[in-house]
Amino acid sequence: MKTDIVLAGVGGQGILSIAAVIGLAAVSQNLFLKQSETHGMSQRGGDVSSHLRISKGEVASDLIPLGAADLILSVEPMEALRYLPYLSPKGYVVTNLTPFNNIPDYPSVEELHASVKALPRVIAVDADAIAKEAGSARASNIVMLGAASPYINISFESLEDGIRELFGRKGTAIVESNLKALRAGRAFAEAYK
């Protein structure tokens, strides 16, 4: 069992929180984990990515080769498309549809959505709307984690425990709002199939 995940987004969208939750969940299940992060120009709205490699056996490298990712989990649609060269032929893309329009020649939303929806194995999520409906507009990254959870070889309960551990020091209300967002994302993905 192994899962290679490319996390993609823009600075401030919570990519590193997603990576931390997955990492905590993997370690709790006695799995091996390697992670690399590229922060880019994150403080200026630049791209942020992280490679996560999870396995029952030792992982030799923290970088995922081109064409080998089982999952691209993106909180921004253009970033999902940017990392497609990493996706394996049988891999899935789980992406937020809400753009982060931070460059002058950003493609139209219609073009982005058409490109995303043309992918063979994709879960396209309006994570911002789901997060607001779940009670925390700031938890769209956790909605995305929930939507990707069926494609990650880690138990959902371990991901919930990872949320509790990561956000526990912020209080019960924050933990509960993130758990609600995680579950809403999972429900969306299960209904989407």
C-alpha atoms as a PDB file:
ATOM      1  CA  MET A   1       0.000   0.000   0.000  1.00  0.00           C
ATOM      2  CA  LYS A   2       1.293   3.400  -0.956  1.00  0.00           C
ATOM      3  CA  THR A   3      -0.253   6.740  -1.743  1.00  0.00           C
ATOM      4  CA  ASP A   4       1.588   9.567  -3.482  1.00  0.00           C
ATOM      5  CA  ILE A   5      -0.178  12.908  -3.142  1.00  0.00           C
ATOM      6  CA  VAL A   6       0.630  16.293  -4.651  1.00  0.00           C
ATOM      7  CA  LEU A   7      -0.968  19.123  -2.677  1.00  0.00           C
ATOM      8  CA  ALA A   8      -1.285  22.383  -4.609  1.00  0.00           C
ATOM      9  CA  GLY A   9      -2.582  25.861  -3.981  1.00  0.00           C
ATOM     10  CA  VAL A  10      -1.690  29.462  -3.349  1.00  0.00           C
ATOM     11  CA  GLY A  11      -0.063  30.909  -0.257  1.00  0.00           C
ATOM     12  CA  GLY A  12      -2.518  31.287   2.606  1.00  0.00           C
ATOM     13  CA  GLN A  13      -4.987  28.655   1.381  1.00  0.00           C
ATOM     14  CA  GLY A  14      -4.058  26.045   3.991  1.00  0.00           C
ATOM     15  CA  ILE A  15      -1.995  23.520   2.020  1.00  0.00           C
ATOM     16  CA  LEU A  16       0.394  23.024   4.928  1.00  0.00           C
ATOM     17  CA  SER A  17      -2.503  22.414   7.334  1.00  0.00           C
ATOM     18  CA  ILE A  18      -3.817  19.709   5.003  1.00  0.00           C
ATOM     19  CA  ALA A  19      -0.337  18.151   4.908  1.00  0.00           C
ATOM     20  CA  ALA A  20      -0.099  18.281   8.707  1.00  0.00           C
ATOM     21  CA  VAL A  21      -3.461  16.526   9.196  1.00  0.00           C
ATOM     22  CA  ILE A  22      -2.565  13.798   6.697  1.00  0.00           C
ATOM     23  CA  GLY A  23       0.858  13.408   8.319  1.00  0.00           C
ATOM     24  CA  LEU A  24      -0.594  13.080  11.819  1.00  0.00           C
ATOM     25  CA  ALA A  25      -3.132  10.539  10.551  1.00  0.00           C
ATOM     26  CA  ALA A  26      -0.447   8.507   8.748  1.00  0.00           C
ATOM     27  CA  VAL A  27       1.831   8.398  11.786  1.00  0.00           C
ATOM     28  CA  SER A  28      -1.088   7.343  14.006  1.00  0.00           C
ATOM     29  CA  GLN A  29      -1.564   4.322  11.722  1.00  0.00           C
ATOM     30  CA  ASN A  30       2.157   3.438  11.893  1.00  0.00           C
ATOM     31  CA  LEU A  31       2.678   4.321   8.234  1.00  0.00           C
ATOM     32  CA  PHE A  32       5.882   5.693   6.769  1.00  0.00           C
ATOM     33  CA  LEU A  33       5.700   9.256   5.484  1.00  0.00           C
ATOM     34  CA  LYS A  34       7.974  11.551   3.534  1.00  0.00           C
ATOM     35  CA  GLN A  35       7.029  15.115   2.703  1.00  0.00           C
ATOM     36  CA  SER A  36       8.579  17.940   0.744  1.00  0.00           C
ATOM     37  CA  GLU A  37       7.256  21.471   0.542  1.00  0.00           C
ATOM     38  CA  THR A  38       7.724  24.283  -1.929  1.00  0.00           C
ATOM     39  CA  HIS A  39       6.570  27.593  -0.553  1.00  0.00           C
ATOM     40  CA  GLY A  40       7.374  29.718  -3.594  1.00  0.00           C
ATOM     41  CA  MET A  41       6.198  33.278  -3.185  1.00  0.00           C
ATOM     42  CA  SER A  42       3.524  32.267  -0.690  1.00  0.00           C
ATOM     43  CA  GLN A  43       3.438  35.620   1.085  1.00  0.00           C
ATOM     44  CA  ARG A  44       2.682  37.290  -2.246  1.00  0.00           C
ATOM     45  CA  GLY A  45      -0.021  34.854  -3.326  1.00  0.00           C
ATOM     46  CA  GLY A  46       2.420  32.577  -5.118  1.00  0.00           C
ATOM     47  CA  ASP A  47       2.036  28.866  -5.569  1.00  0.00           C
ATOM     48  CA  VAL A  48       2.577  26.461  -2.700  1.00  0.00           C
ATOM     49  CA  SER A  49       2.914  22.732  -3.170  1.00  0.00           C
ATOM     50  CA  SER A  50       3.757  19.721  -1.099  1.00  0.00           C
ATOM     51  CA  HIS A  51       4.578  16.136  -2.040  1.00  0.00           C
ATOM     52  CA  LEU A  52       3.355  13.517   0.431  1.00  0.00           C
ATOM     53  CA  ARG A  53       4.444   9.910   0.084  1.00  0.00           C
ATOM     54  CA  ILE A  54       2.713   7.465   2.426  1.00  0.00           C
ATOM     55  CA  SER A  55       3.454   3.751   2.589  1.00  0.00           C
ATOM     56  CA  LYS A  56       3.414   0.655   4.788  1.00  0.00           C
ATOM     57  CA  GLY A  57       7.101   0.252   3.940  1.00  0.00           C
ATOM     58  CA  GLU A  58       9.987   2.694   3.964  1.00  0.00           C
ATOM     59  CA  VAL A  59       9.858   5.573   1.495  1.00  0.00           C
ATOM     60  CA  ALA A  60      13.166   6.334  -0.229  1.00  0.00           C
ATOM     61  CA  SER A  61      12.484   9.810  -1.630  1.00  0.00           C
ATOM     62  CA  ASP A  62      10.254  12.666  -0.616  1.00  0.00           C
ATOM     63  CA  LEU A  63       9.695  13.749  -4.231  1.00  0.00           C
ATOM     64  CA  ILE A  64       7.075  12.167  -6.455  1.00  0.00           C
ATOM     65  CA  PRO A  65       8.286  11.425  -9.980  1.00  0.00           C
ATOM     66  CA  LEU A  66       6.401  12.796 -12.968  1.00  0.00           C
ATOM     67  CA  GLY A  67       3.488  10.546 -13.884  1.00  0.00           C
ATOM     68  CA  ALA A  68       3.406   8.770 -10.507  1.00  0.00           C
ATOM     69  CA  ALA A  69       1.004  10.705  -8.231  1.00  0.00           C
ATOM     70  CA  ASP A  70      -2.091   8.828  -7.143  1.00  0.00           C
ATOM     71  CA  LEU A  71      -3.810  12.076  -6.229  1.00  0.00           C
ATOM     72  CA  ILE A  72      -3.562  15.782  -6.919  1.00  0.00           C
ATOM     73  CA  LEU A  73      -5.382  17.628  -4.166  1.00  0.00           C
ATOM     74  CA  SER A  74      -5.680  21.285  -5.084  1.00  0.00           C
ATOM     75  CA  VAL A  75      -7.408  24.172  -3.367  1.00  0.00           C
ATOM     76  CA  GLU A  76      -7.236  26.243  -6.568  1.00  0.00           C
ATOM     77  CA  PRO A  77      -8.219  25.087 -10.086  1.00  0.00           C
ATOM     78  CA  MET A  78      -5.310  26.532 -12.069  1.00  0.00           C
ATOM     79  CA  GLU A  79      -2.867  24.965  -9.621  1.00  0.00           C
ATOM     80  CA  ALA A  80      -4.543  21.580 -10.179  1.00  0.00           C
ATOM     81  CA  LEU A  81      -3.899  21.937 -13.901  1.00  0.00           C
ATOM     82  CA  ARG A  82      -0.303  23.087 -13.331  1.00  0.00           C
ATOM     83  CA  TYR A  83       0.562  19.829 -11.542  1.00  0.00           C
ATOM     84  CA  LEU A  84      -1.099  17.421 -14.017  1.00  0.00           C
ATOM     85  CA  PRO A  85       2.304  16.182 -15.291  1.00  0.00           C
ATOM     86  CA  TYR A  86       2.740  14.488 -11.894  1.00  0.00           C
ATOM     87  CA  LEU A  87      -0.537  12.549 -12.125  1.00  0.00           C
ATOM     88  CA  SER A  88      -0.399   8.843 -12.905  1.00  0.00           C
ATOM     89  CA  PRO A  89      -2.652   7.557 -15.704  1.00  0.00           C
ATOM     90  CA  LYS A  90      -4.969   6.064 -13.048  1.00  0.00           C
ATOM     91  CA  GLY A  91      -4.718   9.001 -10.628  1.00  0.00           C
ATOM     92  CA  TYR A  92      -7.459  11.328  -9.404  1.00  0.00           C
ATOM     93  CA  VAL A  93      -7.678  15.107  -9.255  1.00  0.00           C
ATOM     94  CA  VAL A  94      -9.674  16.616  -6.413  1.00  0.00           C
ATOM     95  CA  THR A  95      -9.844  20.376  -6.826  1.00  0.00           C
ATOM     96  CA  ASN A  96     -11.664  23.411  -5.582  1.00  0.00           C
ATOM     97  CA  LEU A  97     -13.448  25.287  -8.376  1.00  0.00           C
ATOM     98  CA  THR A  98     -13.026  28.707  -6.754  1.00  0.00           C
ATOM     99  CA  PRO A  99     -10.161  30.544  -8.463  1.00  0.00           C
ATOM    100  CA  PHE A 100      -7.570  32.684  -6.729  1.00  0.00           C
ATOM    101  CA  ASN A 101      -7.133  35.277  -9.468  1.00  0.00           C
ATOM    102  CA  ASN A 102      -3.728  36.690  -8.592  1.00  0.00           C
ATOM    103  CA  ILE A 103      -2.008  37.238 -11.951  1.00  0.00           C
ATOM    104  CA  PRO A 104      -2.801  39.625 -14.836  1.00  0.00           C
ATOM    105  CA  ASP A 105      -3.384  36.944 -17.497  1.00  0.00           C
ATOM    106  CA  TYR A 106      -5.376  34.550 -15.329  1.00  0.00           C
ATOM    107  CA  PRO A 107      -7.611  32.357 -17.522  1.00  0.00           C
ATOM    108  CA  SER A 108     -11.372  32.836 -17.518  1.00  0.00           C
ATOM    109  CA  VAL A 109     -13.329  30.847 -14.959  1.00  0.00           C
ATOM    110  CA  GLU A 110     -15.238  29.160 -17.784  1.00  0.00           C
ATOM    111  CA  GLU A 111     -11.979  27.958 -19.403  1.00  0.00           C
ATOM    112  CA  LEU A 112     -10.662  26.663 -16.089  1.00  0.00           C
ATOM    113  CA  HIS A 113     -13.847  24.816 -15.224  1.00  0.00           C
ATOM    114  CA  ALA A 114     -14.043  23.277 -18.698  1.00  0.00           C
ATOM    115  CA  SER A 115     -10.416  22.092 -18.473  1.00  0.00           C
ATOM    116  CA  VAL A 116     -10.923  20.654 -14.990  1.00  0.00           C
ATOM    117  CA  LYS A 117     -14.191  18.916 -15.824  1.00  0.00           C
ATOM    118  CA  ALA A 118     -12.646  17.372 -18.965  1.00  0.00           C
ATOM    119  CA  LEU A 119     -10.230  15.341 -16.838  1.00  0.00           C
ATOM    120  CA  PRO A 120     -11.046  11.613 -16.741  1.00  0.00           C
ATOM    121  CA  ARG A 121     -11.025  11.158 -12.935  1.00  0.00           C
ATOM    122  CA  VAL A 122     -11.894  14.388 -11.172  1.00  0.00           C
ATOM    123  CA  ILE A 123     -13.875  15.577  -8.181  1.00  0.00           C
ATOM    124  CA  ALA A 124     -14.588  19.295  -8.746  1.00  0.00           C
ATOM    125  CA  VAL A 125     -15.741  20.968  -5.541  1.00  0.00           C
ATOM    126  CA  ASP A 126     -17.121  24.382  -4.677  1.00  0.00           C
ATOM    127  CA  ALA A 127     -15.306  24.108  -1.364  1.00  0.00           C
ATOM    128  CA  ASP A 128     -15.886  27.727  -0.414  1.00  0.00           C
ATOM    129  CA  ALA A 129     -19.682  27.305  -0.582  1.00  0.00           C
ATOM    130  CA  ILE A 130     -19.546  23.995   1.298  1.00  0.00           C
ATOM    131  CA  ALA A 131     -17.324  25.527   3.992  1.00  0.00           C
ATOM    132  CA  LYS A 132     -19.719  28.460   4.453  1.00  0.00           C
ATOM    133  CA  GLU A 133     -22.661  26.069   4.651  1.00  0.00           C
ATOM    134  CA  ALA A 134     -20.765  23.987   7.220  1.00  0.00           C
ATOM    135  CA  GLY A 135     -20.296  27.117   9.319  1.00  0.00           C
ATOM    136  CA  SER A 136     -16.697  28.188   8.672  1.00  0.00           C
ATOM    137  CA  ALA A 137     -15.726  29.959   5.461  1.00  0.00           C
ATOM    138  CA  ARG A 138     -12.071  29.603   6.486  1.00  0.00           C
ATOM    139  CA  ALA A 139     -12.265  25.791   6.425  1.00  0.00           C
ATOM    140  CA  SER A 140     -12.457  25.321   2.648  1.00  0.00           C
ATOM    141  CA  ASN A 141      -9.054  23.576   2.740  1.00  0.00           C
ATOM    142  CA  ILE A 142     -10.452  21.035   5.196  1.00  0.00           C
ATOM    143  CA  VAL A 143     -13.514  20.562   2.969  1.00  0.00           C
ATOM    144  CA  MET A 144     -11.028  19.709   0.204  1.00  0.00           C
ATOM    145  CA  LEU A 145      -9.276  17.199   2.461  1.00  0.00           C
ATOM    146  CA  GLY A 146     -12.638  15.574   3.176  1.00  0.00           C
ATOM    147  CA  ALA A 147     -13.426  15.415  -0.545  1.00  0.00           C
ATOM    148  CA  ALA A 148     -10.050  13.756  -1.208  1.00  0.00           C
ATOM    149  CA  SER A 149     -10.284  11.362   1.737  1.00  0.00           C
ATOM    150  CA  PRO A 150     -11.812   8.456  -0.258  1.00  0.00           C
ATOM    151  CA  TYR A 151      -8.626   8.447  -2.391  1.00  0.00           C
ATOM    152  CA  ILE A 152      -6.154   8.482   0.504  1.00  0.00           C
ATOM    153  CA  ASN A 153      -5.271   5.096   2.010  1.00  0.00           C
ATOM    154  CA  ILE A 154      -5.779   6.307   5.575  1.00  0.00           C
ATOM    155  CA  SER A 155      -8.868   5.720   7.671  1.00  0.00           C
ATOM    156  CA  PHE A 156     -11.292   8.623   7.867  1.00  0.00           C
ATOM    157  CA  GLU A 157     -11.269   8.303  11.659  1.00  0.00           C
ATOM    158  CA  SER A 158      -7.498   8.896  11.655  1.00  0.00           C
ATOM    159  CA  LEU A 159      -7.999  12.059   9.600  1.00  0.00           C
ATOM    160  CA  GLU A 160     -10.593  13.203  12.154  1.00  0.00           C
ATOM    161  CA  ASP A 161      -8.073  12.506  14.931  1.00  0.00           C
ATOM    162  CA  GLY A 162      -5.458  14.481  12.974  1.00  0.00           C
ATOM    163  CA  ILE A 163      -7.865  17.448  12.951  1.00  0.00           C
ATOM    164  CA  ARG A 164      -8.345  17.116  16.700  1.00  0.00           C
ATOM    165  CA  GLU A 165      -4.606  17.008  17.297  1.00  0.00           C
ATOM    166  CA  LEU A 166      -3.680  19.852  14.943  1.00  0.00           C
ATOM    167  CA  PHE A 167      -6.414  22.261  16.012  1.00  0.00           C
ATOM    168  CA  GLY A 168      -6.910  21.114  19.624  1.00  0.00           C
ATOM    169  CA  ARG A 169      -4.970  23.974  21.164  1.00  0.00           C
ATOM    170  CA  LYS A 170      -7.310  26.445  19.412  1.00  0.00           C
ATOM    171  CA  GLY A 171     -10.328  25.189  21.326  1.00  0.00           C
ATOM    172  CA  THR A 172     -13.307  22.919  20.915  1.00  0.00           C
ATOM    173  CA  ALA A 173     -15.247  25.261  18.613  1.00  0.00           C
ATOM    174  CA  ILE A 174     -12.413  25.347  16.044  1.00  0.00           C
ATOM    175  CA  VAL A 175     -11.972  21.572  16.211  1.00  0.00           C
ATOM    176  CA  GLU A 176     -15.698  20.988  15.733  1.00  0.00           C
ATOM    177  CA  SER A 177     -15.999  23.437  12.825  1.00  0.00           C
ATOM    178  CA  ASN A 178     -13.087  21.728  11.057  1.00  0.00           C
ATOM    179  CA  LEU A 179     -14.552  18.275  11.697  1.00  0.00           C
ATOM    180  CA  LYS A 180     -17.854  19.478  10.248  1.00  0.00           C
ATOM    181  CA  ALA A 181     -16.009  20.802   7.170  1.00  0.00           C
ATOM    182  CA  LEU A 182     -14.095  17.517   6.773  1.00  0.00           C
ATOM    183  CA  ARG A 183     -17.308  15.494   6.949  1.00  0.00           C
ATOM    184  CA  ALA A 184     -19.092  17.830   4.509  1.00  0.00           C
ATOM    185  CA  GLY A 185     -16.272  17.401   1.995  1.00  0.00           C
ATOM    186  CA  ARG A 186     -16.406  13.628   2.375  1.00  0.00           C
ATOM    187  CA  ALA A 187     -20.183  13.606   1.890  1.00  0.00           C
ATOM    188  CA  PHE A 188     -19.796  15.698  -1.277  1.00  0.00           C
ATOM    189  CA  ALA A 189     -17.223  13.297  -2.741  1.00  0.00           C
ATOM    190  CA  GLU A 190     -19.330  10.262  -1.948  1.00  0.00           C
ATOM    191  CA  ALA A 191     -22.387  11.828  -3.614  1.00  0.00           C
ATOM    192  CA  TYR A 192     -20.292  13.030  -6.596  1.00  0.00           C
ATOM    193  CA  LYS A 193     -19.110   9.584  -7.682  1.00  0.00           C
END
